[in-house]
Amino acid sequence: MFTGIVEELGVVNSLTRGNEAIKLVIAASKVAGDMKLGDSIAVNGVCLTVASFTPGEFIADVMPETLRKTNLSRLKVGDKVNLERALALGGRIGGHLVSGHVDGVGSITGKRREGNAWVYRFSTSPEVMRYIIPKGSVAVDGISLTVALAASDNFSVSVIPHTTAVTTLGARAVGDEVNLENDMIGKYVERLLQFSGGETRSGISLESLKDSGFIP
C-alpha cells in the first residue's frame, strides 16, 4: 500500500527485454536507504518487487501483464521515474490510499498555466472514467492528485509547483501516456452493491450515492 506522495525521482540505469518481460535496473538513493529483498516499490505508480539491490540501485522484474496494462513498456535508459516505498503502519497518509495496481493508461491532452499552478487534462477509457469524480482522488504515475473537473471521457487536475518540481509530471507533455489508478473506495462500493442486488441493508443504493454526489 502507498500514499501517492513521491519520495524521489529515480533513473532507469538499465533495461533488458526478453520473453515478453523486462528487467529494470533503477538508480535510487532515498528509497534504497533501508531497502530489503522483496520490498515493494511504486515505480511510476506500479507496485514492483525488489528482486536484488546494490548500494544506490535496485533491480525489478516486470511481467507481461504489467507491461500490457501500464506505460512501463515505453521506458528507456535514462528516463526518470517516480519512486515511493510502501506505506509504514503508523505513518502519515499525505495523499490517499494507493495500491500500486494500475487501472489503465491515459494520455495528456492539455497542459496550461493558471496562476502558480499547471492544469493538466487527461483522456482515458470509460472503465477508468467511471470512478473519476470532481474533488475525488486519482493516482497519475503514482502521484496522488485531486480531480478538478470530470467529463465523460476526460478529467483535469491542478498541480502545485512543488509537485511538478519533484515528480516526472513537470516534464510531461501533451501526448505523453501516464498510468492511472482510481481511488479504491469507489471500486469497493460498486462491488458490494453488485452482491447486494443494488441496495445494501442500510438502504444505500446506486441512486442514493449519485444523489449525494459520491458517484457521477
N, C-alpha and C. Protein backbone atom coordinates (compact mmCIF):
# COMPACT_ATOMS: atom_id res chain seq x y z
N MET A 1 0.84 -1.18 0.00
CA MET A 1 0.00 0.00 0.00
C MET A 1 0.88 1.24 0.00
N PHE A 2 0.45 2.27 -0.78
CA PHE A 2 1.21 3.50 -0.91
C PHE A 2 0.29 4.69 -0.64
N THR A 3 0.88 5.89 -0.67
CA THR A 3 0.08 7.10 -0.41
C THR A 3 0.02 8.04 -1.61
N GLY A 4 0.82 7.79 -2.64
CA GLY A 4 0.84 8.69 -3.78
C GLY A 4 1.69 9.92 -3.57
N ILE A 5 2.48 9.93 -2.49
CA ILE A 5 3.41 11.04 -2.25
C ILE A 5 4.80 10.56 -2.68
N VAL A 6 5.25 11.02 -3.83
CA VAL A 6 6.52 10.56 -4.41
C VAL A 6 7.69 10.97 -3.52
N GLU A 7 8.58 10.01 -3.24
CA GLU A 7 9.71 10.29 -2.35
C GLU A 7 10.94 10.79 -3.10
N GLU A 8 11.12 10.31 -4.31
CA GLU A 8 12.27 10.77 -5.10
C GLU A 8 12.10 10.37 -6.55
N LEU A 9 12.92 11.00 -7.40
CA LEU A 9 12.98 10.62 -8.81
C LEU A 9 14.14 9.66 -9.01
N GLY A 10 13.84 8.47 -9.50
CA GLY A 10 14.89 7.52 -9.84
C GLY A 10 15.21 7.63 -11.32
N VAL A 11 16.25 6.93 -11.74
CA VAL A 11 16.67 6.94 -13.14
C VAL A 11 16.84 5.50 -13.61
N VAL A 12 16.32 5.21 -14.79
CA VAL A 12 16.49 3.87 -15.37
C VAL A 12 17.92 3.73 -15.85
N ASN A 13 18.72 2.94 -15.12
CA ASN A 13 20.12 2.73 -15.49
C ASN A 13 20.28 1.67 -16.57
N SER A 14 19.38 0.68 -16.55
CA SER A 14 19.49 -0.42 -17.50
C SER A 14 18.11 -1.01 -17.70
N LEU A 15 17.89 -1.53 -18.90
CA LEU A 15 16.60 -2.13 -19.24
C LEU A 15 16.86 -3.30 -20.17
N THR A 16 16.52 -4.50 -19.72
CA THR A 16 16.74 -5.71 -20.51
C THR A 16 15.40 -6.31 -20.90
N ARG A 17 15.18 -6.47 -22.19
CA ARG A 17 13.93 -7.05 -22.69
C ARG A 17 14.16 -8.52 -23.06
N GLY A 18 13.12 -9.31 -22.81
CA GLY A 18 13.20 -10.71 -23.21
C GLY A 18 11.98 -11.49 -22.78
N ASN A 19 11.50 -12.38 -23.64
CA ASN A 19 10.38 -13.26 -23.33
C ASN A 19 9.15 -12.48 -22.85
N GLU A 20 8.86 -11.35 -23.55
CA GLU A 20 7.70 -10.51 -23.27
C GLU A 20 7.73 -9.87 -21.89
N ALA A 21 8.88 -9.80 -21.28
CA ALA A 21 9.04 -9.17 -19.98
C ALA A 21 10.29 -8.30 -20.02
N ILE A 22 10.46 -7.47 -19.00
CA ILE A 22 11.67 -6.65 -18.93
C ILE A 22 12.25 -6.70 -17.52
N LYS A 23 13.53 -6.46 -17.42
CA LYS A 23 14.22 -6.33 -16.14
C LYS A 23 14.74 -4.90 -16.04
N LEU A 24 14.32 -4.21 -15.00
CA LEU A 24 14.70 -2.82 -14.80
C LEU A 24 15.78 -2.69 -13.73
N VAL A 25 16.79 -1.89 -14.01
CA VAL A 25 17.77 -1.50 -13.01
C VAL A 25 17.59 0.00 -12.80
N ILE A 26 17.19 0.38 -11.59
CA ILE A 26 16.83 1.77 -11.32
C ILE A 26 17.74 2.36 -10.25
N ALA A 27 18.34 3.49 -10.58
CA ALA A 27 19.18 4.21 -9.61
C ALA A 27 18.29 4.95 -8.63
N ALA A 28 18.60 4.82 -7.34
CA ALA A 28 17.81 5.48 -6.30
C ALA A 28 18.70 5.71 -5.10
N SER A 29 18.35 6.69 -4.29
CA SER A 29 19.12 6.95 -3.08
C SER A 29 18.23 6.86 -1.84
N LYS A 30 17.19 7.67 -1.78
CA LYS A 30 16.35 7.70 -0.57
C LYS A 30 15.63 6.39 -0.35
N VAL A 31 14.97 5.86 -1.38
CA VAL A 31 14.19 4.62 -1.20
C VAL A 31 15.10 3.42 -1.00
N ALA A 32 16.37 3.56 -1.37
CA ALA A 32 17.32 2.45 -1.21
C ALA A 32 17.95 2.43 0.18
N GLY A 33 17.66 3.45 0.96
CA GLY A 33 18.33 3.58 2.26
C GLY A 33 18.08 2.43 3.20
N ASP A 34 16.83 1.94 3.27
CA ASP A 34 16.52 0.82 4.17
C ASP A 34 15.94 -0.36 3.38
N MET A 35 16.33 -0.47 2.13
CA MET A 35 15.76 -1.47 1.23
C MET A 35 16.12 -2.89 1.65
N LYS A 36 15.15 -3.79 1.45
CA LYS A 36 15.36 -5.21 1.71
C LYS A 36 14.86 -6.01 0.53
N LEU A 37 15.39 -7.19 0.35
CA LEU A 37 14.95 -8.08 -0.72
C LEU A 37 13.47 -8.37 -0.57
N GLY A 38 12.72 -8.23 -1.66
CA GLY A 38 11.28 -8.48 -1.62
C GLY A 38 10.44 -7.27 -1.28
N ASP A 39 11.08 -6.12 -1.01
CA ASP A 39 10.31 -4.91 -0.73
C ASP A 39 9.47 -4.51 -1.94
N SER A 40 8.36 -3.82 -1.66
CA SER A 40 7.52 -3.27 -2.72
C SER A 40 7.88 -1.80 -2.92
N ILE A 41 8.13 -1.44 -4.17
CA ILE A 41 8.43 -0.05 -4.54
C ILE A 41 7.48 0.35 -5.66
N ALA A 42 6.82 1.49 -5.52
CA ALA A 42 5.97 2.00 -6.59
C ALA A 42 6.86 2.74 -7.59
N VAL A 43 6.86 2.27 -8.82
CA VAL A 43 7.63 2.88 -9.91
C VAL A 43 6.63 3.45 -10.92
N ASN A 44 6.54 4.77 -10.99
CA ASN A 44 5.50 5.43 -11.79
C ASN A 44 4.13 4.88 -11.45
N GLY A 45 3.93 4.60 -10.15
CA GLY A 45 2.63 4.15 -9.69
C GLY A 45 2.39 2.67 -9.81
N VAL A 46 3.38 1.92 -10.29
CA VAL A 46 3.25 0.47 -10.45
C VAL A 46 4.00 -0.23 -9.33
N CYS A 47 3.32 -1.07 -8.58
CA CYS A 47 3.95 -1.79 -7.48
C CYS A 47 4.87 -2.87 -8.03
N LEU A 48 6.17 -2.73 -7.80
CA LEU A 48 7.16 -3.71 -8.25
C LEU A 48 7.91 -4.26 -7.04
N THR A 49 8.42 -5.47 -7.19
CA THR A 49 9.13 -6.14 -6.11
C THR A 49 10.64 -6.05 -6.33
N VAL A 50 11.36 -5.71 -5.28
CA VAL A 50 12.82 -5.64 -5.36
C VAL A 50 13.37 -7.06 -5.46
N ALA A 51 13.94 -7.40 -6.63
CA ALA A 51 14.49 -8.74 -6.85
C ALA A 51 15.92 -8.84 -6.34
N SER A 52 16.65 -7.75 -6.44
CA SER A 52 18.00 -7.65 -5.89
C SER A 52 18.38 -6.18 -5.83
N PHE A 53 19.43 -5.86 -5.09
CA PHE A 53 19.84 -4.46 -4.99
C PHE A 53 21.29 -4.35 -4.58
N THR A 54 21.86 -3.23 -4.93
CA THR A 54 23.21 -2.86 -4.52
C THR A 54 23.12 -1.42 -4.02
N PRO A 55 24.14 -0.91 -3.36
CA PRO A 55 24.07 0.47 -2.90
C PRO A 55 23.79 1.44 -4.06
N GLY A 56 22.68 2.12 -3.97
CA GLY A 56 22.38 3.13 -4.99
C GLY A 56 21.51 2.68 -6.13
N GLU A 57 21.11 1.41 -6.19
CA GLU A 57 20.21 0.98 -7.25
C GLU A 57 19.53 -0.34 -6.88
N PHE A 58 18.41 -0.62 -7.56
CA PHE A 58 17.72 -1.88 -7.34
C PHE A 58 17.22 -2.44 -8.65
N ILE A 59 16.95 -3.75 -8.65
CA ILE A 59 16.50 -4.45 -9.85
C ILE A 59 15.09 -4.98 -9.61
N ALA A 60 14.22 -4.82 -10.61
CA ALA A 60 12.85 -5.31 -10.53
C ALA A 60 12.47 -5.95 -11.86
N ASP A 61 11.77 -7.07 -11.77
CA ASP A 61 11.25 -7.74 -12.96
C ASP A 61 9.84 -7.26 -13.24
N VAL A 62 9.55 -6.99 -14.51
CA VAL A 62 8.22 -6.54 -14.91
C VAL A 62 7.61 -7.61 -15.82
N MET A 63 6.51 -8.21 -15.38
CA MET A 63 5.91 -9.32 -16.11
C MET A 63 5.04 -8.82 -17.26
N PRO A 64 4.70 -9.72 -18.20
CA PRO A 64 3.92 -9.31 -19.38
C PRO A 64 2.61 -8.60 -19.06
N GLU A 65 1.86 -9.08 -18.06
CA GLU A 65 0.58 -8.46 -17.71
C GLU A 65 0.79 -7.00 -17.32
N THR A 66 1.84 -6.71 -16.57
CA THR A 66 2.12 -5.34 -16.16
C THR A 66 2.48 -4.48 -17.36
N LEU A 67 3.24 -5.04 -18.28
CA LEU A 67 3.61 -4.29 -19.49
C LEU A 67 2.39 -3.96 -20.33
N ARG A 68 1.41 -4.88 -20.37
CA ARG A 68 0.21 -4.64 -21.16
C ARG A 68 -0.66 -3.54 -20.57
N LYS A 69 -0.68 -3.42 -19.25
CA LYS A 69 -1.63 -2.52 -18.59
C LYS A 69 -1.03 -1.17 -18.17
N THR A 70 0.28 -0.98 -18.34
CA THR A 70 0.91 0.26 -17.87
C THR A 70 1.80 0.85 -18.96
N ASN A 71 2.43 1.99 -18.63
CA ASN A 71 3.34 2.62 -19.59
C ASN A 71 4.80 2.22 -19.37
N LEU A 72 5.05 1.23 -18.50
CA LEU A 72 6.43 0.82 -18.24
C LEU A 72 7.09 0.23 -19.49
N SER A 73 6.29 -0.29 -20.41
CA SER A 73 6.85 -0.86 -21.63
C SER A 73 7.53 0.20 -22.49
N ARG A 74 7.23 1.47 -22.24
CA ARG A 74 7.79 2.56 -23.04
C ARG A 74 9.01 3.21 -22.40
N LEU A 75 9.43 2.69 -21.26
CA LEU A 75 10.60 3.25 -20.60
C LEU A 75 11.87 3.03 -21.42
N LYS A 76 12.81 3.99 -21.31
CA LYS A 76 14.10 3.89 -21.98
C LYS A 76 15.19 4.17 -20.95
N VAL A 77 16.39 3.72 -21.24
CA VAL A 77 17.53 4.01 -20.37
C VAL A 77 17.70 5.52 -20.26
N GLY A 78 17.83 6.01 -19.04
CA GLY A 78 17.97 7.43 -18.80
C GLY A 78 16.69 8.12 -18.38
N ASP A 79 15.54 7.44 -18.57
CA ASP A 79 14.25 8.03 -18.16
C ASP A 79 14.18 8.17 -16.65
N LYS A 80 13.53 9.24 -16.20
CA LYS A 80 13.27 9.42 -14.78
C LYS A 80 11.94 8.77 -14.42
N VAL A 81 11.86 8.22 -13.20
CA VAL A 81 10.64 7.57 -12.74
C VAL A 81 10.33 8.01 -11.31
N ASN A 82 9.03 8.08 -11.00
CA ASN A 82 8.60 8.40 -9.65
C ASN A 82 8.76 7.17 -8.76
N LEU A 83 9.32 7.35 -7.58
CA LEU A 83 9.55 6.24 -6.66
C LEU A 83 8.92 6.53 -5.30
N GLU A 84 8.29 5.48 -4.74
CA GLU A 84 7.74 5.58 -3.39
C GLU A 84 7.82 4.22 -2.72
N ARG A 85 8.29 4.22 -1.48
CA ARG A 85 8.30 2.99 -0.70
C ARG A 85 6.90 2.70 -0.17
N ALA A 86 6.66 1.44 0.19
CA ALA A 86 5.37 1.05 0.76
C ALA A 86 5.11 1.81 2.05
N LEU A 87 3.84 2.08 2.31
CA LEU A 87 3.42 2.80 3.50
C LEU A 87 3.77 2.01 4.76
N ALA A 88 4.36 2.68 5.73
CA ALA A 88 4.64 2.07 7.02
C ALA A 88 3.47 2.33 7.95
N LEU A 89 2.96 1.31 8.61
CA LEU A 89 1.85 1.48 9.54
C LEU A 89 2.23 2.47 10.64
N GLY A 90 1.34 3.39 10.89
CA GLY A 90 1.61 4.41 11.89
C GLY A 90 2.12 5.70 11.28
N GLY A 91 2.43 5.67 9.96
CA GLY A 91 2.91 6.88 9.31
C GLY A 91 1.76 7.76 8.84
N ARG A 92 2.06 9.00 8.49
CA ARG A 92 1.06 9.92 7.99
C ARG A 92 0.70 9.58 6.55
N ILE A 93 -0.58 9.69 6.21
CA ILE A 93 -1.02 9.50 4.83
C ILE A 93 -1.25 10.88 4.23
N GLY A 94 -0.24 11.38 3.54
CA GLY A 94 -0.33 12.72 2.99
C GLY A 94 -1.18 12.81 1.74
N GLY A 95 -1.33 11.68 1.02
CA GLY A 95 -2.14 11.68 -0.20
C GLY A 95 -3.42 10.90 0.03
N HIS A 96 -3.53 9.72 -0.62
CA HIS A 96 -4.65 8.83 -0.38
C HIS A 96 -4.16 7.40 -0.53
N LEU A 97 -4.97 6.44 -0.17
CA LEU A 97 -4.54 5.04 -0.23
C LEU A 97 -4.41 4.59 -1.68
N VAL A 98 -3.21 4.16 -2.05
CA VAL A 98 -2.89 3.74 -3.42
C VAL A 98 -2.34 2.32 -3.36
N SER A 99 -2.87 1.44 -4.19
CA SER A 99 -2.45 0.04 -4.14
C SER A 99 -1.27 -0.28 -5.04
N GLY A 100 -1.02 0.58 -6.03
CA GLY A 100 0.04 0.29 -7.00
C GLY A 100 -0.42 -0.66 -8.09
N HIS A 101 -1.72 -0.91 -8.16
CA HIS A 101 -2.30 -1.76 -9.20
C HIS A 101 -3.02 -0.86 -10.20
N VAL A 102 -2.38 -0.59 -11.30
CA VAL A 102 -2.86 0.40 -12.28
C VAL A 102 -4.14 -0.07 -12.95
N ASP A 103 -5.12 0.84 -13.04
CA ASP A 103 -6.40 0.51 -13.67
C ASP A 103 -6.38 0.72 -15.17
N GLY A 104 -5.53 1.60 -15.65
CA GLY A 104 -5.47 1.86 -17.09
C GLY A 104 -4.47 2.95 -17.40
N VAL A 105 -4.30 3.18 -18.68
CA VAL A 105 -3.37 4.21 -19.16
C VAL A 105 -4.18 5.35 -19.77
N GLY A 106 -3.76 6.56 -19.51
CA GLY A 106 -4.38 7.74 -20.11
C GLY A 106 -3.35 8.55 -20.87
N SER A 107 -3.79 9.55 -21.59
CA SER A 107 -2.86 10.41 -22.32
C SER A 107 -3.15 11.86 -21.97
N ILE A 108 -2.09 12.67 -21.96
CA ILE A 108 -2.23 14.10 -21.67
C ILE A 108 -2.74 14.80 -22.93
N THR A 109 -3.91 15.41 -22.83
CA THR A 109 -4.49 16.10 -23.98
C THR A 109 -4.46 17.62 -23.81
N GLY A 110 -4.03 18.09 -22.65
CA GLY A 110 -3.93 19.53 -22.44
C GLY A 110 -3.00 19.85 -21.28
N LYS A 111 -2.29 20.96 -21.38
CA LYS A 111 -1.38 21.41 -20.32
C LYS A 111 -1.25 22.92 -20.42
N ARG A 112 -1.64 23.64 -19.36
CA ARG A 112 -1.60 25.10 -19.40
C ARG A 112 -1.32 25.67 -18.01
N ARG A 113 -0.77 26.87 -17.99
CA ARG A 113 -0.51 27.56 -16.73
C ARG A 113 -1.79 28.25 -16.24
N GLU A 114 -1.97 28.26 -14.95
CA GLU A 114 -3.07 29.01 -14.33
C GLU A 114 -2.55 29.55 -13.00
N GLY A 115 -2.16 30.80 -12.99
CA GLY A 115 -1.55 31.38 -11.80
C GLY A 115 -0.25 30.68 -11.48
N ASN A 116 -0.12 30.15 -10.28
CA ASN A 116 1.11 29.44 -9.90
C ASN A 116 1.02 27.95 -10.16
N ALA A 117 -0.05 27.51 -10.79
CA ALA A 117 -0.28 26.07 -10.99
C ALA A 117 -0.22 25.69 -12.47
N TRP A 118 -0.07 24.39 -12.69
CA TRP A 118 -0.22 23.82 -14.02
C TRP A 118 -1.51 23.01 -14.03
N VAL A 119 -2.32 23.19 -15.05
CA VAL A 119 -3.56 22.41 -15.21
C VAL A 119 -3.34 21.39 -16.32
N TYR A 120 -3.52 20.11 -15.97
CA TYR A 120 -3.36 19.01 -16.94
C TYR A 120 -4.73 18.40 -17.23
N ARG A 121 -4.95 18.09 -18.49
CA ARG A 121 -6.16 17.36 -18.87
C ARG A 121 -5.76 15.98 -19.41
N PHE A 122 -6.44 14.95 -18.95
CA PHE A 122 -6.14 13.58 -19.35
C PHE A 122 -7.37 12.94 -19.99
N SER A 123 -7.15 12.21 -21.06
CA SER A 123 -8.22 11.38 -21.62
C SER A 123 -7.91 9.93 -21.33
N THR A 124 -8.95 9.14 -21.10
CA THR A 124 -8.75 7.74 -20.78
C THR A 124 -10.01 6.95 -21.12
N SER A 125 -10.00 5.68 -20.80
CA SER A 125 -11.10 4.79 -21.17
C SER A 125 -12.31 4.98 -20.27
N PRO A 126 -13.50 4.55 -20.73
CA PRO A 126 -14.70 4.62 -19.88
C PRO A 126 -14.54 3.81 -18.61
N GLU A 127 -13.78 2.72 -18.66
CA GLU A 127 -13.58 1.86 -17.49
C GLU A 127 -12.88 2.62 -16.36
N VAL A 128 -11.99 3.54 -16.72
CA VAL A 128 -11.31 4.36 -15.71
C VAL A 128 -12.17 5.56 -15.33
N MET A 129 -12.80 6.19 -16.32
CA MET A 129 -13.58 7.41 -16.06
C MET A 129 -14.77 7.16 -15.16
N ARG A 130 -15.29 5.96 -15.11
CA ARG A 130 -16.50 5.70 -14.31
C ARG A 130 -16.26 5.95 -12.82
N TYR A 131 -15.00 5.92 -12.38
CA TYR A 131 -14.68 6.14 -10.97
C TYR A 131 -14.10 7.53 -10.69
N ILE A 132 -14.01 8.36 -11.74
CA ILE A 132 -13.44 9.69 -11.58
C ILE A 132 -14.55 10.68 -11.24
N ILE A 133 -14.42 11.37 -10.10
CA ILE A 133 -15.42 12.35 -9.71
C ILE A 133 -14.72 13.65 -9.31
N PRO A 134 -15.37 14.80 -9.52
CA PRO A 134 -14.78 16.07 -9.10
C PRO A 134 -14.46 16.07 -7.61
N LYS A 135 -13.29 16.54 -7.27
CA LYS A 135 -12.76 16.62 -5.91
C LYS A 135 -12.40 15.24 -5.35
N GLY A 136 -12.48 14.21 -6.19
CA GLY A 136 -12.04 12.88 -5.77
C GLY A 136 -10.54 12.74 -5.98
N SER A 137 -10.01 11.60 -5.58
CA SER A 137 -8.57 11.35 -5.71
C SER A 137 -8.28 10.41 -6.88
N VAL A 138 -7.12 10.62 -7.52
CA VAL A 138 -6.64 9.75 -8.58
C VAL A 138 -5.12 9.74 -8.51
N ALA A 139 -4.53 8.59 -8.81
CA ALA A 139 -3.07 8.49 -8.86
C ALA A 139 -2.63 8.53 -10.32
N VAL A 140 -1.80 9.51 -10.66
CA VAL A 140 -1.27 9.68 -12.02
C VAL A 140 0.22 9.40 -11.98
N ASP A 141 0.64 8.30 -12.60
CA ASP A 141 2.03 7.85 -12.50
C ASP A 141 2.47 7.77 -11.04
N GLY A 142 1.53 7.35 -10.18
CA GLY A 142 1.84 7.18 -8.77
C GLY A 142 1.76 8.43 -7.93
N ILE A 143 1.32 9.55 -8.52
CA ILE A 143 1.21 10.82 -7.80
C ILE A 143 -0.23 11.03 -7.36
N SER A 144 -0.44 11.22 -6.08
CA SER A 144 -1.79 11.47 -5.57
C SER A 144 -2.23 12.88 -5.95
N LEU A 145 -3.31 12.96 -6.75
CA LEU A 145 -3.81 14.25 -7.21
C LEU A 145 -5.31 14.34 -6.99
N THR A 146 -5.82 15.57 -6.92
CA THR A 146 -7.25 15.81 -6.75
C THR A 146 -7.87 16.21 -8.08
N VAL A 147 -8.97 15.57 -8.42
CA VAL A 147 -9.67 15.86 -9.68
C VAL A 147 -10.35 17.22 -9.57
N ALA A 148 -10.07 18.10 -10.53
CA ALA A 148 -10.70 19.42 -10.56
C ALA A 148 -12.00 19.37 -11.35
N LEU A 149 -11.94 18.79 -12.54
CA LEU A 149 -13.11 18.67 -13.41
C LEU A 149 -13.15 17.28 -14.01
N ALA A 150 -14.36 16.78 -14.26
CA ALA A 150 -14.52 15.46 -14.87
C ALA A 150 -15.61 15.52 -15.92
N ALA A 151 -15.30 15.05 -17.13
CA ALA A 151 -16.28 14.95 -18.21
C ALA A 151 -16.51 13.47 -18.50
N SER A 152 -17.14 13.18 -19.63
CA SER A 152 -17.45 11.78 -19.94
C SER A 152 -16.21 10.98 -20.32
N ASP A 153 -15.23 11.63 -20.95
CA ASP A 153 -14.05 10.89 -21.42
C ASP A 153 -12.74 11.55 -21.04
N ASN A 154 -12.76 12.54 -20.16
CA ASN A 154 -11.52 13.19 -19.74
C ASN A 154 -11.71 13.84 -18.38
N PHE A 155 -10.58 14.14 -17.72
CA PHE A 155 -10.62 14.84 -16.45
C PHE A 155 -9.41 15.76 -16.35
N SER A 156 -9.50 16.73 -15.44
CA SER A 156 -8.42 17.70 -15.27
C SER A 156 -7.98 17.75 -13.81
N VAL A 157 -6.71 18.07 -13.62
CA VAL A 157 -6.16 18.28 -12.29
C VAL A 157 -5.35 19.57 -12.30
N SER A 158 -5.28 20.22 -11.15
CA SER A 158 -4.46 21.42 -10.99
C SER A 158 -3.30 21.06 -10.07
N VAL A 159 -2.09 21.35 -10.52
CA VAL A 159 -0.89 20.84 -9.83
C VAL A 159 -0.03 21.99 -9.34
N ILE A 160 0.35 21.93 -8.07
CA ILE A 160 1.18 22.99 -7.48
C ILE A 160 2.63 22.88 -7.97
N PRO A 161 3.40 23.97 -7.88
CA PRO A 161 4.80 23.96 -8.35
C PRO A 161 5.65 22.88 -7.69
N HIS A 162 5.45 22.62 -6.40
CA HIS A 162 6.27 21.61 -5.72
C HIS A 162 6.13 20.25 -6.40
N THR A 163 4.89 19.87 -6.76
CA THR A 163 4.67 18.56 -7.38
C THR A 163 5.33 18.46 -8.74
N THR A 164 5.25 19.50 -9.54
CA THR A 164 5.89 19.46 -10.86
C THR A 164 7.40 19.45 -10.75
N ALA A 165 7.92 19.99 -9.63
CA ALA A 165 9.38 20.07 -9.46
C ALA A 165 9.98 18.76 -8.99
N VAL A 166 9.23 17.96 -8.20
CA VAL A 166 9.82 16.77 -7.58
C VAL A 166 9.29 15.46 -8.16
N THR A 167 8.48 15.54 -9.22
CA THR A 167 7.98 14.33 -9.88
C THR A 167 8.21 14.44 -11.38
N THR A 168 7.87 13.38 -12.09
CA THR A 168 8.01 13.37 -13.55
C THR A 168 6.97 14.23 -14.24
N LEU A 169 5.93 14.65 -13.52
CA LEU A 169 4.83 15.36 -14.15
C LEU A 169 5.28 16.67 -14.79
N GLY A 170 6.26 17.34 -14.18
CA GLY A 170 6.72 18.61 -14.71
C GLY A 170 7.29 18.50 -16.11
N ALA A 171 7.87 17.35 -16.45
CA ALA A 171 8.47 17.16 -17.77
C ALA A 171 7.51 16.52 -18.76
N ARG A 172 6.32 16.17 -18.31
CA ARG A 172 5.36 15.54 -19.21
C ARG A 172 4.79 16.58 -20.17
N ALA A 173 4.50 16.12 -21.41
CA ALA A 173 3.97 17.00 -22.44
C ALA A 173 2.70 16.40 -23.03
N VAL A 174 1.97 17.21 -23.76
CA VAL A 174 0.76 16.74 -24.43
C VAL A 174 1.12 15.55 -25.34
N GLY A 175 0.34 14.50 -25.23
CA GLY A 175 0.59 13.28 -26.00
C GLY A 175 1.25 12.18 -25.19
N ASP A 176 1.88 12.54 -24.06
CA ASP A 176 2.53 11.52 -23.22
C ASP A 176 1.47 10.64 -22.55
N GLU A 177 1.83 9.38 -22.34
CA GLU A 177 0.94 8.45 -21.66
C GLU A 177 1.31 8.33 -20.18
N VAL A 178 0.30 8.17 -19.34
CA VAL A 178 0.51 8.07 -17.89
C VAL A 178 -0.29 6.90 -17.34
N ASN A 179 0.21 6.34 -16.23
CA ASN A 179 -0.52 5.28 -15.53
C ASN A 179 -1.57 5.92 -14.61
N LEU A 180 -2.76 5.33 -14.61
CA LEU A 180 -3.85 5.85 -13.79
C LEU A 180 -4.37 4.77 -12.85
N GLU A 181 -4.54 5.14 -11.60
CA GLU A 181 -5.18 4.25 -10.62
C GLU A 181 -6.30 5.00 -9.92
N ASN A 182 -7.50 4.43 -10.00
CA ASN A 182 -8.65 5.04 -9.35
C ASN A 182 -8.59 4.88 -7.83
N ASP A 183 -9.30 5.75 -7.14
CA ASP A 183 -9.47 5.62 -5.70
C ASP A 183 -10.20 4.30 -5.43
N MET A 184 -9.64 3.48 -4.59
CA MET A 184 -10.19 2.13 -4.38
C MET A 184 -11.55 2.12 -3.68
N ILE A 185 -11.90 3.20 -2.98
CA ILE A 185 -13.17 3.21 -2.25
C ILE A 185 -14.35 3.04 -3.20
N GLY A 186 -14.34 3.77 -4.30
CA GLY A 186 -15.44 3.67 -5.26
C GLY A 186 -15.58 2.29 -5.84
N LYS A 187 -14.45 1.64 -6.10
CA LYS A 187 -14.50 0.29 -6.67
C LYS A 187 -15.08 -0.71 -5.68
N TYR A 188 -14.73 -0.58 -4.41
CA TYR A 188 -15.26 -1.48 -3.39
C TYR A 188 -16.75 -1.26 -3.18
N VAL A 189 -17.17 0.01 -3.18
CA VAL A 189 -18.59 0.30 -3.01
C VAL A 189 -19.40 -0.31 -4.15
N GLU A 190 -18.92 -0.15 -5.38
CA GLU A 190 -19.62 -0.71 -6.53
C GLU A 190 -19.71 -2.23 -6.43
N ARG A 191 -18.62 -2.86 -6.03
CA ARG A 191 -18.61 -4.32 -5.92
C ARG A 191 -19.58 -4.82 -4.85
N LEU A 192 -19.62 -4.14 -3.72
CA LEU A 192 -20.54 -4.52 -2.65
C LEU A 192 -21.99 -4.38 -3.09
N LEU A 193 -22.28 -3.32 -3.85
CA LEU A 193 -23.64 -3.12 -4.33
C LEU A 193 -24.05 -4.21 -5.32
N GLN A 194 -23.09 -4.69 -6.11
CA GLN A 194 -23.39 -5.77 -7.05
C GLN A 194 -23.83 -7.03 -6.33
N PHE A 195 -23.20 -7.30 -5.20
CA PHE A 195 -23.52 -8.52 -4.45
C PHE A 195 -24.76 -8.35 -3.56
N SER A 196 -25.23 -7.13 -3.41
CA SER A 196 -26.41 -6.92 -2.59
C SER A 196 -27.64 -6.60 -3.42
N GLY A 197 -27.55 -6.87 -4.73
CA GLY A 197 -28.69 -6.62 -5.60
C GLY A 197 -28.93 -5.16 -5.88
N GLY A 198 -27.89 -4.34 -5.68
CA GLY A 198 -28.02 -2.91 -5.99
C GLY A 198 -28.37 -2.06 -4.80
N GLU A 199 -28.70 -2.68 -3.66
CA GLU A 199 -29.04 -1.90 -2.47
C GLU A 199 -28.57 -2.64 -1.23
N THR A 200 -27.97 -1.91 -0.31
CA THR A 200 -27.49 -2.52 0.92
C THR A 200 -28.60 -2.56 1.97
N ARG A 201 -28.37 -3.29 3.04
CA ARG A 201 -29.36 -3.38 4.11
C ARG A 201 -29.62 -2.03 4.77
N SER A 202 -28.65 -1.16 4.65
CA SER A 202 -28.83 0.16 5.26
C SER A 202 -29.63 1.10 4.37
N GLY A 203 -30.00 0.62 3.17
CA GLY A 203 -30.78 1.45 2.26
C GLY A 203 -29.96 2.23 1.26
N ILE A 204 -28.64 2.05 1.28
CA ILE A 204 -27.78 2.74 0.32
C ILE A 204 -27.89 2.06 -1.03
N SER A 205 -28.13 2.84 -2.07
CA SER A 205 -28.25 2.31 -3.43
C SER A 205 -27.42 3.16 -4.37
N LEU A 206 -27.30 2.72 -5.62
CA LEU A 206 -26.57 3.50 -6.62
C LEU A 206 -27.23 4.86 -6.80
N GLU A 207 -28.55 4.90 -6.79
CA GLU A 207 -29.25 6.17 -6.96
C GLU A 207 -28.99 7.13 -5.80
N SER A 208 -28.99 6.58 -4.57
CA SER A 208 -28.75 7.45 -3.42
C SER A 208 -27.32 7.97 -3.41
N LEU A 209 -26.36 7.14 -3.87
CA LEU A 209 -24.97 7.59 -3.95
C LEU A 209 -24.83 8.69 -5.00
N LYS A 210 -25.53 8.54 -6.14
CA LYS A 210 -25.49 9.58 -7.18
C LYS A 210 -26.10 10.87 -6.66
N ASP A 211 -27.25 10.74 -5.98
CA ASP A 211 -27.92 11.94 -5.46
C ASP A 211 -27.05 12.68 -4.46
N SER A 212 -26.19 11.94 -3.73
CA SER A 212 -25.33 12.55 -2.72
C SER A 212 -24.01 13.03 -3.29
N GLY A 213 -23.79 12.76 -4.59
CA GLY A 213 -22.59 13.24 -5.24
C GLY A 213 -21.37 12.35 -5.09
N PHE A 214 -21.55 11.10 -4.57
CA PHE A 214 -20.42 10.21 -4.41
C PHE A 214 -19.97 9.58 -5.72
N ILE A 215 -20.90 9.38 -6.66
CA ILE A 215 -20.57 8.84 -7.97
C ILE A 215 -21.28 9.67 -9.02
N PRO A 216 -20.70 9.75 -10.25
CA PRO A 216 -21.32 10.57 -11.29
C PRO A 216 -22.54 9.89 -11.90
